[in-house]
Amino acid sequence: MTATLWMDSKPVAILSTTASPLQMSSNISRRLKDGSNVSVPRPQSVGHYQSFFRGVDIFDQFRSKYSVGRPSKKWWKYVIYTSC
């Protein structure tokens, strides 16, 4: 497991089990305040996250619509609601 801290517009911290922290995956362009573009190296773990985070966002949207685990003091209600 590797921890990577990359400075984009804000610091981005990522834990990864598949990417090397020293290997840069690609260069991305960022626009400066004066309008010029600069090429910034992006770590491999950040590239993996940006290419696959869409599925996590969709899952979070679905999960927020359908609440499954409602807190209840009676355990049998929880069993009945989750099994249906």
Protein backbone atom coordinates (compact mmCIF):
# COMPACT_ATOMS: atom_id res chain seq x y z
CA MET A 1 0.00 0.00 0.00
CA THR A 2 1.36 3.39 -0.95
CA ALA A 3 0.31 6.85 0.12
CA THR A 4 0.65 9.65 -2.43
CA LEU A 5 0.21 13.35 -1.80
CA TRP A 6 -0.07 15.38 -5.00
CA MET A 7 -0.50 19.12 -5.17
CA ASP A 8 -3.15 20.05 -7.73
CA SER A 9 -5.16 23.20 -7.01
CA LYS A 10 -5.47 21.68 -3.52
CA PRO A 11 -3.54 18.81 -1.95
CA VAL A 12 -4.85 15.39 -3.06
CA ALA A 13 -4.08 12.40 -0.82
CA ILE A 14 -4.56 8.89 -2.24
CA LEU A 15 -3.93 5.41 -0.83
CA SER A 16 -3.30 2.83 -3.53
CA THR A 17 -2.44 -0.84 -3.72
CA THR A 18 -1.88 -0.97 -7.48
CA ALA A 19 0.23 2.05 -8.41
CA SER A 20 3.83 2.97 -7.80
CA PRO A 21 4.20 6.38 -6.12
CA LEU A 22 7.32 7.23 -8.10
CA GLN A 23 5.97 6.41 -11.54
CA MET A 24 4.26 9.28 -13.34
CA SER A 25 1.45 8.16 -15.64
CA SER A 26 1.12 11.20 -17.88
CA ASN A 27 1.38 14.95 -18.09
CA ILE A 28 -1.73 17.10 -17.85
CA SER A 29 -2.07 20.74 -18.76
CA ARG A 30 -3.11 23.36 -16.26
CA ARG A 31 -4.00 26.96 -17.05
CA LEU A 32 -2.21 29.63 -15.03
CA LYS A 33 -3.73 32.93 -13.93
CA ASP A 34 -2.07 34.79 -16.79
CA GLY A 35 -3.73 32.51 -19.36
CA SER A 36 -0.71 30.40 -20.29
CA ASN A 37 -0.72 26.60 -20.05
CA VAL A 38 1.82 24.55 -18.15
CA SER A 39 2.39 20.79 -18.28
CA VAL A 40 2.25 19.08 -14.86
CA PRO A 41 3.26 15.43 -14.25
CA ARG A 42 0.48 13.35 -12.70
CA PRO A 43 1.22 10.30 -10.49
CA GLN A 44 -0.07 6.93 -11.68
CA SER A 45 -2.37 6.52 -8.65
CA VAL A 46 -4.12 9.84 -9.40
CA GLY A 47 -4.58 8.77 -13.03
CA HIS A 48 -6.20 5.50 -11.91
CA TYR A 49 -8.52 7.35 -9.53
CA GLN A 50 -9.61 9.89 -12.14
CA SER A 51 -10.36 7.20 -14.71
CA PHE A 52 -12.47 5.03 -12.36
CA PHE A 53 -14.14 7.45 -9.92
CA ARG A 54 -17.30 7.72 -12.04
CA GLY A 55 -18.54 4.33 -10.82
CA VAL A 56 -18.10 5.38 -7.19
CA ASP A 57 -20.11 8.55 -7.79
CA ILE A 58 -22.95 6.60 -9.43
CA PHE A 59 -22.97 4.10 -6.55
CA ASP A 60 -23.18 6.94 -4.01
CA GLN A 61 -26.12 8.45 -5.90
CA PHE A 62 -28.03 5.15 -5.88
CA ARG A 63 -27.24 4.53 -2.23
CA SER A 64 -28.59 7.93 -1.21
CA LYS A 65 -31.96 7.25 -2.91
CA TYR A 66 -32.58 3.87 -1.28
CA SER A 67 -31.87 3.83 2.44
CA VAL A 68 -31.66 0.21 3.56
CA GLY A 69 -30.41 0.23 7.13
CA ARG A 70 -32.87 2.27 9.12
CA PRO A 71 -31.95 2.39 12.79
CA SER A 72 -34.42 0.54 14.94
CA LYS A 73 -34.41 -0.54 18.58
CA LYS A 74 -36.19 -3.72 17.64
CA TRP A 75 -33.75 -6.04 15.87
CA TRP A 76 -36.47 -8.06 14.16
CA LYS A 77 -37.63 -5.01 12.20
CA TYR A 78 -34.14 -4.57 10.81
CA VAL A 79 -34.03 -8.24 9.72
CA ILE A 80 -37.42 -8.01 7.99
CA TYR A 81 -36.63 -4.74 6.17
CA THR A 82 -33.22 -5.90 4.91
CA SER A 83 -34.42 -9.30 3.70
CA CYS A 84 -37.23 -7.86 1.52
